[in-house]
Amino acid sequence: MMDGGPEWRAYNQEEWGERSRIGIPSTQTIHDKGLTTEIGWGNRDSSGKTLTSKQKSKMHRLRGWQSRMRISGENERNLAYALSEISRMSSLLGLTRAAQEAASEIYRKAMKKGLVRGRTIEGIASAAVYTACRELNIPRSLEEIAEVSHIDKKKIARNRKLLTKELDIRLPLADPINYISKFGTKLKTSGETSAKAIDIIRKAQEKGIIAGTKAEVVAATAIYIACMLTGDKRTQDEISEISNVSKVTLRKRYKELAKQLNLVLDV
């Protein structure tokens, strides 16, 4: 098989930096996709000699011109700001690089189609992040996106519907099982409890009794029931806090689910 890697070897980071002849790969997360020239901040020339004061002054001016030239118009400025917002939210939400790339691509498509006009940049950016999470089956709720974006969750939901309709994005149904690991980690429950919660969800899915219910509500309900069944008890307050599901909803749903699955709970 043909090796697509470099023809040279490097045994440490310094050697890699010296021998590499290419820059970073293109990315959707930077407004120019990372393809423009960048003037380094080192004060040495290509042969390793220290720059003179006159040369340093010249390079400082060139860096300033370069940074201004990278963003040439209002559209580019807005795109750069939107992508920085997506990067900030992705970091706070603990999203993968793939999710950030997907959200950035969705925003670019929305901008190209004119969907940002008349709407806030932050509103469309937060909707792009939420859409990317749904698309990649990453368990992040509307409430979590709203918290980091400081945008009302109803507005995010409205913008998400706009994006999926206008950009023809088909989103898979959110699977409550994806939330179990996340909730279990926050609650510090045992592996047995998480496994029991997943088993409860699967049985409920087979019977079709959770269709139309929000994934995070189902997951919170299942993990609460699992905690009671395994003796790894957690209060409704604790589960409500980590899942953003109200105690009233949790209390109502766990009773319904336990009854429909014929589970005997020691309350």
Protein backbone atom coordinates (compact mmCIF):
# COMPACT_ATOMS: atom_id res chain seq x y z
CA MET A 1 0.00 0.00 0.00
CA MET A 2 1.12 3.55 -0.70
CA ASP A 3 2.16 5.49 2.42
CA GLY A 4 0.63 8.96 2.40
CA GLY A 5 2.86 10.16 5.26
CA PRO A 6 6.12 12.15 5.06
CA GLU A 7 9.29 10.60 3.66
CA TRP A 8 11.31 11.78 6.69
CA ARG A 9 11.38 10.70 10.33
CA ALA A 10 11.15 12.81 13.46
CA TYR A 11 11.82 11.58 16.99
CA ASN A 12 10.57 14.61 18.94
CA GLN A 13 8.39 17.72 18.52
CA GLU A 14 11.37 19.97 17.71
CA GLU A 15 12.52 17.74 14.84
CA TRP A 16 8.96 17.53 13.55
CA GLY A 17 8.70 21.35 13.49
CA GLU A 18 12.03 21.69 11.67
CA ARG A 19 11.32 19.08 8.99
CA SER A 20 7.62 19.65 8.34
CA ARG A 21 6.99 21.61 5.14
CA ILE A 22 3.23 22.08 5.40
CA GLY A 23 0.83 24.02 7.63
CA ILE A 24 -2.37 23.03 9.41
CA PRO A 25 -5.09 21.24 7.37
CA SER A 26 -8.00 23.31 6.06
CA THR A 27 -10.80 23.70 8.57
CA GLN A 28 -14.36 25.05 8.63
CA THR A 29 -13.80 26.59 12.07
CA ILE A 30 -11.67 29.51 10.80
CA HIS A 31 -13.25 32.15 8.55
CA ASP A 32 -10.55 31.76 5.86
CA LYS A 33 -10.42 27.95 6.41
CA GLY A 34 -6.82 28.32 7.63
CA LEU A 35 -5.50 28.80 4.11
CA THR A 36 -3.99 32.29 4.40
CA THR A 37 -0.35 33.06 5.12
CA GLU A 38 0.56 33.74 8.73
CA ILE A 39 3.65 35.67 9.82
CA GLY A 40 5.22 34.01 12.85
CA TRP A 41 6.05 35.87 16.08
CA GLY A 42 9.62 34.61 16.31
CA ASN A 43 12.40 37.19 16.06
CA ARG A 44 14.77 35.03 14.02
CA ASP A 45 15.22 34.64 10.29
CA SER A 46 15.19 31.37 8.30
CA SER A 47 18.84 30.68 9.12
CA GLY A 48 18.25 31.17 12.87
CA LYS A 49 19.92 34.58 13.17
CA THR A 50 18.35 37.18 15.47
CA LEU A 51 16.63 40.04 13.62
CA THR A 52 17.97 43.55 13.92
CA SER A 53 15.83 46.23 15.59
CA LYS A 54 15.01 47.67 12.16
CA GLN A 55 13.93 44.26 10.87
CA LYS A 56 11.87 43.62 14.03
CA SER A 57 10.05 46.92 13.52
CA LYS A 58 9.37 46.04 9.88
CA MET A 59 8.02 42.57 10.79
CA HIS A 60 5.78 44.11 13.46
CA ARG A 61 4.21 46.42 10.83
CA LEU A 62 3.81 43.51 8.40
CA ARG A 63 2.03 41.43 11.04
CA GLY A 64 -0.39 44.31 11.65
CA TRP A 65 -1.15 44.66 7.95
CA GLN A 66 -1.53 40.91 7.61
CA SER A 67 -4.05 40.65 10.46
CA ARG A 68 -6.14 43.47 8.96
CA MET A 69 -5.99 41.99 5.44
CA ARG A 70 -7.23 38.59 6.63
CA ILE A 71 -10.69 40.06 7.33
CA SER A 72 -11.55 42.29 4.39
CA GLY A 73 -15.28 43.00 4.58
CA GLU A 74 -18.33 43.03 6.83
CA ASN A 75 -19.40 39.52 5.81
CA GLU A 76 -15.99 38.12 6.73
CA ARG A 77 -16.02 40.01 10.04
CA ASN A 78 -19.45 38.59 10.87
CA LEU A 79 -18.36 35.08 9.86
CA ALA A 80 -15.18 35.33 11.97
CA TYR A 81 -17.27 36.45 14.97
CA ALA A 82 -19.83 33.66 14.47
CA LEU A 83 -17.13 30.99 14.23
CA SER A 84 -15.45 32.32 17.36
CA GLU A 85 -18.82 32.05 19.15
CA ILE A 86 -19.23 28.46 17.92
CA SER A 87 -15.70 27.70 19.16
CA ARG A 88 -16.47 29.25 22.56
CA MET A 89 -19.73 27.30 22.97
CA SER A 90 -18.12 24.06 21.79
CA SER A 91 -15.40 24.46 24.40
CA LEU A 92 -17.87 25.13 27.23
CA LEU A 93 -20.04 22.18 26.16
CA GLY A 94 -17.04 19.84 25.85
CA LEU A 95 -17.78 19.03 22.20
CA THR A 96 -15.44 17.16 19.89
CA ARG A 97 -13.55 18.80 17.03
CA ALA A 98 -15.87 16.99 14.60
CA ALA A 99 -18.93 18.60 16.22
CA GLN A 100 -17.36 22.06 16.01
CA GLU A 101 -16.51 21.48 12.34
CA ALA A 102 -20.10 20.34 11.66
CA ALA A 103 -21.60 23.38 13.43
CA SER A 104 -19.26 25.73 11.52
CA GLU A 105 -20.24 24.16 8.20
CA ILE A 106 -23.95 24.49 9.02
CA TYR A 107 -23.46 28.19 9.85
CA ARG A 108 -21.56 28.77 6.58
CA LYS A 109 -24.41 27.20 4.60
CA ALA A 110 -26.98 29.31 6.47
CA MET A 111 -24.98 32.46 5.76
CA LYS A 112 -24.61 31.58 2.08
CA LYS A 113 -28.37 31.06 1.80
CA GLY A 114 -29.10 34.40 3.52
CA LEU A 115 -30.70 32.88 6.63
CA VAL A 116 -28.65 35.07 9.00
CA ARG A 117 -30.01 38.31 7.54
CA GLY A 118 -32.57 39.82 9.93
CA ARG A 119 -31.54 37.48 12.75
CA THR A 120 -28.83 37.64 15.38
CA ILE A 121 -25.48 36.01 14.68
CA GLU A 122 -25.52 34.43 18.16
CA GLY A 123 -29.02 33.00 17.58
CA ILE A 124 -28.07 31.22 14.34
CA ALA A 125 -24.67 30.14 15.74
CA SER A 126 -26.27 28.52 18.82
CA ALA A 127 -28.87 26.81 16.59
CA ALA A 128 -26.03 25.50 14.39
CA VAL A 129 -24.31 24.02 17.47
CA TYR A 130 -27.54 22.37 18.64
CA THR A 131 -28.23 21.01 15.13
CA ALA A 132 -24.70 19.58 14.89
CA CYS A 133 -25.15 17.86 18.28
CA ARG A 134 -28.44 16.32 17.16
CA GLU A 135 -26.93 15.29 13.83
CA LEU A 136 -23.99 13.52 15.52
CA ASN A 137 -26.10 12.05 18.38
CA ILE A 138 -24.22 14.05 21.02
CA PRO A 139 -26.38 14.36 24.17
CA ARG A 140 -26.70 18.13 24.68
CA SER A 141 -30.07 19.58 25.60
CA LEU A 142 -31.62 22.88 24.53
CA GLU A 143 -31.21 24.11 28.10
CA GLU A 144 -27.45 23.47 27.99
CA ILE A 145 -27.07 25.28 24.66
CA ALA A 146 -29.16 28.19 25.99
CA GLU A 147 -27.01 28.42 29.12
CA VAL A 148 -23.70 28.79 27.26
CA SER A 149 -25.07 30.95 24.43
CA HIS A 150 -27.21 33.27 26.61
CA ILE A 151 -29.99 32.91 24.02
CA ASP A 152 -33.56 31.94 24.94
CA LYS A 153 -34.15 28.24 24.28
CA LYS A 154 -37.38 28.97 22.36
CA LYS A 155 -35.41 31.14 19.94
CA ILE A 156 -32.78 28.42 19.52
CA ALA A 157 -35.49 25.83 18.81
CA ARG A 158 -37.13 28.18 16.29
CA ASN A 159 -33.81 28.81 14.53
CA ARG A 160 -33.02 25.08 14.54
CA LYS A 161 -36.29 24.37 12.73
CA LEU A 162 -35.41 27.06 10.20
CA LEU A 163 -31.96 25.56 9.56
CA THR A 164 -33.19 22.00 9.17
CA LYS A 165 -35.99 23.07 6.81
CA GLU A 166 -34.03 25.50 4.61
CA LEU A 167 -30.83 23.44 4.49
CA ASP A 168 -32.69 20.13 4.14
CA ILE A 169 -30.99 18.56 7.18
CA ARG A 170 -32.49 15.23 8.31
CA LEU A 171 -31.98 14.84 12.04
CA PRO A 172 -32.16 11.41 13.69
CA LEU A 173 -34.46 11.01 16.68
CA ALA A 174 -32.59 11.73 19.92
CA ASP A 175 -31.85 8.46 21.74
CA PRO A 176 -32.32 8.69 25.55
CA ILE A 177 -29.68 5.97 26.00
CA ASN A 178 -27.03 8.49 24.90
CA TYR A 179 -27.82 10.57 28.00
CA ILE A 180 -27.36 7.75 30.53
CA SER A 181 -23.57 7.83 30.63
CA LYS A 182 -23.58 11.61 30.99
CA PHE A 183 -26.17 11.64 33.81
CA GLY A 184 -24.53 8.65 35.53
CA THR A 185 -21.14 10.41 35.56
CA LYS A 186 -22.63 13.58 37.05
CA LEU A 187 -24.53 11.58 39.70
CA LYS A 188 -21.56 9.23 40.32
CA THR A 189 -23.84 6.20 40.12
CA SER A 190 -22.58 2.63 39.75
CA GLY A 191 -22.19 0.78 36.45
CA GLU A 192 -25.01 -1.53 37.54
CA THR A 193 -27.37 1.45 37.84
CA SER A 194 -26.46 2.76 34.38
CA ALA A 195 -26.92 -0.71 32.85
CA LYS A 196 -30.32 -1.03 34.57
CA ALA A 197 -31.39 2.40 33.26
CA ILE A 198 -30.43 1.40 29.70
CA ASP A 199 -32.39 -1.86 30.10
CA ILE A 200 -35.46 0.12 31.26
CA ILE A 201 -35.25 2.43 28.24
CA ARG A 202 -34.90 -0.48 25.81
CA LYS A 203 -37.95 -2.22 27.26
CA ALA A 204 -39.93 1.04 27.05
CA GLN A 205 -38.84 1.51 23.42
CA GLU A 206 -39.92 -2.03 22.55
CA LYS A 207 -43.37 -1.36 24.00
CA GLY A 208 -43.54 2.06 22.28
CA ILE A 209 -44.51 3.86 25.47
CA ILE A 210 -41.96 6.70 25.31
CA ALA A 211 -42.60 7.89 21.75
CA GLY A 212 -42.88 11.69 21.63
CA THR A 213 -41.23 12.20 25.02
CA LYS A 214 -38.04 14.27 25.20
CA ALA A 215 -34.91 12.10 25.36
CA GLU A 216 -33.52 13.81 28.48
CA VAL A 217 -36.85 13.33 30.31
CA VAL A 218 -36.86 9.60 29.50
CA ALA A 219 -33.20 9.24 30.53
CA ALA A 220 -33.72 11.10 33.82
CA THR A 221 -36.80 9.00 34.59
CA ALA A 222 -35.03 5.72 33.76
CA ILE A 223 -31.98 6.54 35.87
CA TYR A 224 -34.20 7.55 38.82
CA ILE A 225 -36.07 4.24 38.63
CA ALA A 226 -32.77 2.34 38.22
CA CYS A 227 -31.36 4.03 41.32
CA MET A 228 -34.35 2.82 43.36
CA LEU A 229 -34.12 -0.72 41.97
CA THR A 230 -30.39 -1.09 42.64
CA GLY A 231 -30.40 0.65 46.03
CA ASP A 232 -28.07 3.34 44.63
CA LYS A 233 -30.59 5.97 45.68
CA ARG A 234 -30.52 9.56 44.46
CA THR A 235 -33.07 12.23 45.28
CA GLN A 236 -35.38 13.86 42.76
CA ASP A 237 -33.61 17.15 43.49
CA GLU A 238 -30.23 15.69 42.47
CA ILE A 239 -31.55 14.20 39.23
CA SER A 240 -33.55 17.32 38.40
CA GLU A 241 -30.47 19.50 38.84
CA ILE A 242 -28.16 17.51 36.52
CA SER A 243 -30.80 16.76 33.85
CA ASN A 244 -32.68 20.10 33.71
CA VAL A 245 -35.92 18.12 34.10
CA SER A 246 -38.35 19.54 36.64
CA LYS A 247 -39.23 17.52 39.76
CA VAL A 248 -42.92 17.64 38.80
CA THR A 249 -42.20 16.08 35.38
CA LEU A 250 -39.83 13.52 36.90
CA ARG A 251 -42.36 12.49 39.56
CA LYS A 252 -45.15 12.12 37.00
CA ARG A 253 -43.09 10.25 34.40
CA TYR A 254 -41.44 7.76 36.77
CA LYS A 255 -44.84 6.67 38.16
CA GLU A 256 -46.24 6.22 34.65
CA LEU A 257 -43.20 4.33 33.39
CA ALA A 258 -42.98 2.05 36.43
CA LYS A 259 -46.68 1.18 36.08
CA GLN A 260 -46.44 0.48 32.32
CA LEU A 261 -43.37 -1.75 32.82
CA ASN A 262 -44.85 -3.49 35.91
CA LEU A 263 -41.96 -2.44 38.13
CA VAL A 264 -42.32 -2.63 41.91
CA LEU A 265 -40.50 0.27 43.53
CA ASP A 266 -39.58 0.76 47.17
CA VAL A 267 -40.32 4.48 47.48
